Amino acid sequence: MAKNIRGNNDGENGENDSYTITGRGVVDRGTLVNEVEQGKHPNHHVVNINGEDYVRSNPDRTTGNNVNKE
């Protein structure tokens, strides 16, 4: 279970094709989407944008743990 997941903005238009998980390293988008859908990262959810699934953090008051925030 990851608390901090960072989007790598490594897609053609800056989308996240992979994510970095602290202590685990880089994980491709498809793998992470599957893990989130299986409930392995309960503080995150999947969104579909233009037919593609992406991982997002669940909203809370802390901006530092959002997927694309430093």
C-alpha atoms as a PDB file:
ATOM      1  CA  MET A   1       0.000   0.000   0.000  1.00  0.00           C
ATOM      2  CA  ALA A   2       1.499   3.284  -1.121  1.00  0.00           C
ATOM      3  CA  LYS A   3       0.948   6.561   0.677  1.00  0.00           C
ATOM      4  CA  ASN A   4       2.897   8.669  -1.785  1.00  0.00           C
ATOM      5  CA  ILE A   5       2.527   8.122  -5.506  1.00  0.00           C
ATOM      6  CA  ARG A   6       4.035  10.627  -7.925  1.00  0.00           C
ATOM      7  CA  GLY A   7       3.058  10.986 -11.567  1.00  0.00           C
ATOM      8  CA  ASN A   8       6.099  11.132 -13.842  1.00  0.00           C
ATOM      9  CA  ASN A   9       4.519  13.292 -16.587  1.00  0.00           C
ATOM     10  CA  ASP A  10       6.380  11.119 -19.089  1.00  0.00           C
ATOM     11  CA  GLY A  11       3.686  10.681 -21.734  1.00  0.00           C
ATOM     12  CA  GLU A  12       3.613  12.301 -25.150  1.00  0.00           C
ATOM     13  CA  ASN A  13       1.531  15.257 -23.912  1.00  0.00           C
ATOM     14  CA  GLY A  14       2.791  15.289 -20.330  1.00  0.00           C
ATOM     15  CA  GLU A  15       0.339  12.686 -19.075  1.00  0.00           C
ATOM     16  CA  ASN A  16       1.478  10.028 -16.628  1.00  0.00           C
ATOM     17  CA  ASP A  17       2.555   6.871 -18.435  1.00  0.00           C
ATOM     18  CA  SER A  18       4.314   5.787 -15.246  1.00  0.00           C
ATOM     19  CA  TYR A  19       4.340   6.662 -11.565  1.00  0.00           C
ATOM     20  CA  THR A  20       6.996   6.583  -8.859  1.00  0.00           C
ATOM     21  CA  ILE A  21       6.170   4.977  -5.530  1.00  0.00           C
ATOM     22  CA  THR A  22       8.481   5.755  -2.621  1.00  0.00           C
ATOM     23  CA  GLY A  23      10.448   2.645  -1.665  1.00  0.00           C
ATOM     24  CA  ARG A  24       9.313   0.752  -4.771  1.00  0.00           C
ATOM     25  CA  GLY A  25      10.409   2.815  -7.751  1.00  0.00           C
ATOM     26  CA  VAL A  26       8.774   3.344 -11.136  1.00  0.00           C
ATOM     27  CA  VAL A  27       5.531   1.502 -11.941  1.00  0.00           C
ATOM     28  CA  ASP A  28       3.828   1.640 -15.340  1.00  0.00           C
ATOM     29  CA  ARG A  29       0.348   3.143 -15.524  1.00  0.00           C
ATOM     30  CA  GLY A  30      -1.467  -0.096 -16.415  1.00  0.00           C
ATOM     31  CA  THR A  31       0.009  -1.972 -13.471  1.00  0.00           C
ATOM     32  CA  LEU A  32      -0.806   0.793 -11.023  1.00  0.00           C
ATOM     33  CA  VAL A  33      -4.353   1.225 -12.356  1.00  0.00           C
ATOM     34  CA  ASN A  34      -4.937  -2.508 -11.794  1.00  0.00           C
ATOM     35  CA  GLU A  35      -3.526  -2.339  -8.270  1.00  0.00           C
ATOM     36  CA  VAL A  36      -5.729   0.638  -7.379  1.00  0.00           C
ATOM     37  CA  GLU A  37      -8.804  -1.098  -8.802  1.00  0.00           C
ATOM     38  CA  GLN A  38      -7.954  -4.143  -6.666  1.00  0.00           C
ATOM     39  CA  GLY A  39      -7.908  -1.919  -3.564  1.00  0.00           C
ATOM     40  CA  LYS A  40      -4.166  -2.172  -2.958  1.00  0.00           C
ATOM     41  CA  HIS A  41      -3.789   1.621  -2.623  1.00  0.00           C
ATOM     42  CA  PRO A  42      -6.899   2.739  -0.702  1.00  0.00           C
ATOM     43  CA  ASN A  43      -5.971   6.439  -0.693  1.00  0.00           C
ATOM     44  CA  HIS A  44      -6.146   6.542  -4.498  1.00  0.00           C
ATOM     45  CA  HIS A  45      -8.734   6.086  -7.241  1.00  0.00           C
ATOM     46  CA  VAL A  46      -8.864   5.694 -11.019  1.00  0.00           C
ATOM     47  CA  VAL A  47     -10.181   8.344 -13.396  1.00  0.00           C
ATOM     48  CA  ASN A  48     -10.870   7.908 -17.090  1.00  0.00           C
ATOM     49  CA  ILE A  49      -9.775  10.805 -19.289  1.00  0.00           C
ATOM     50  CA  ASN A  50     -10.337  10.563 -23.043  1.00  0.00           C
ATOM     51  CA  GLY A  51     -10.599   6.768 -22.835  1.00  0.00           C
ATOM     52  CA  GLU A  52      -7.424   6.309 -20.758  1.00  0.00           C
ATOM     53  CA  ASP A  53      -7.316   5.342 -17.065  1.00  0.00           C
ATOM     54  CA  TYR A  54      -5.093   7.311 -14.689  1.00  0.00           C
ATOM     55  CA  VAL A  55      -4.430   7.141 -10.953  1.00  0.00           C
ATOM     56  CA  ARG A  56      -5.325  10.072  -8.730  1.00  0.00           C
ATOM     57  CA  SER A  57      -5.046  10.536  -4.974  1.00  0.00           C
ATOM     58  CA  ASN A  58      -8.222  10.890  -2.983  1.00  0.00           C
ATOM     59  CA  PRO A  59      -8.797  14.515  -2.008  1.00  0.00           C
ATOM     60  CA  ASP A  60      -7.731  15.687   1.411  1.00  0.00           C
ATOM     61  CA  ARG A  61      -6.347  18.856   2.962  1.00  0.00           C
ATOM     62  CA  THR A  62      -2.707  17.985   2.275  1.00  0.00           C
ATOM     63  CA  THR A  63      -1.490  19.005  -1.175  1.00  0.00           C
ATOM     64  CA  GLY A  64       1.893  17.321  -0.698  1.00  0.00           C
ATOM     65  CA  ASN A  65       0.479  13.833  -1.170  1.00  0.00           C
ATOM     66  CA  ASN A  66      -1.385  14.516  -4.419  1.00  0.00           C
ATOM     67  CA  VAL A  67      -0.190  12.527  -7.441  1.00  0.00           C
ATOM     68  CA  ASN A  68       1.155  15.497  -9.413  1.00  0.00           C
ATOM     69  CA  LYS A  69       2.201  17.792  -6.567  1.00  0.00           C
ATOM     70  CA  GLU A  70       5.630  18.134  -5.033  1.00  0.00           C
END
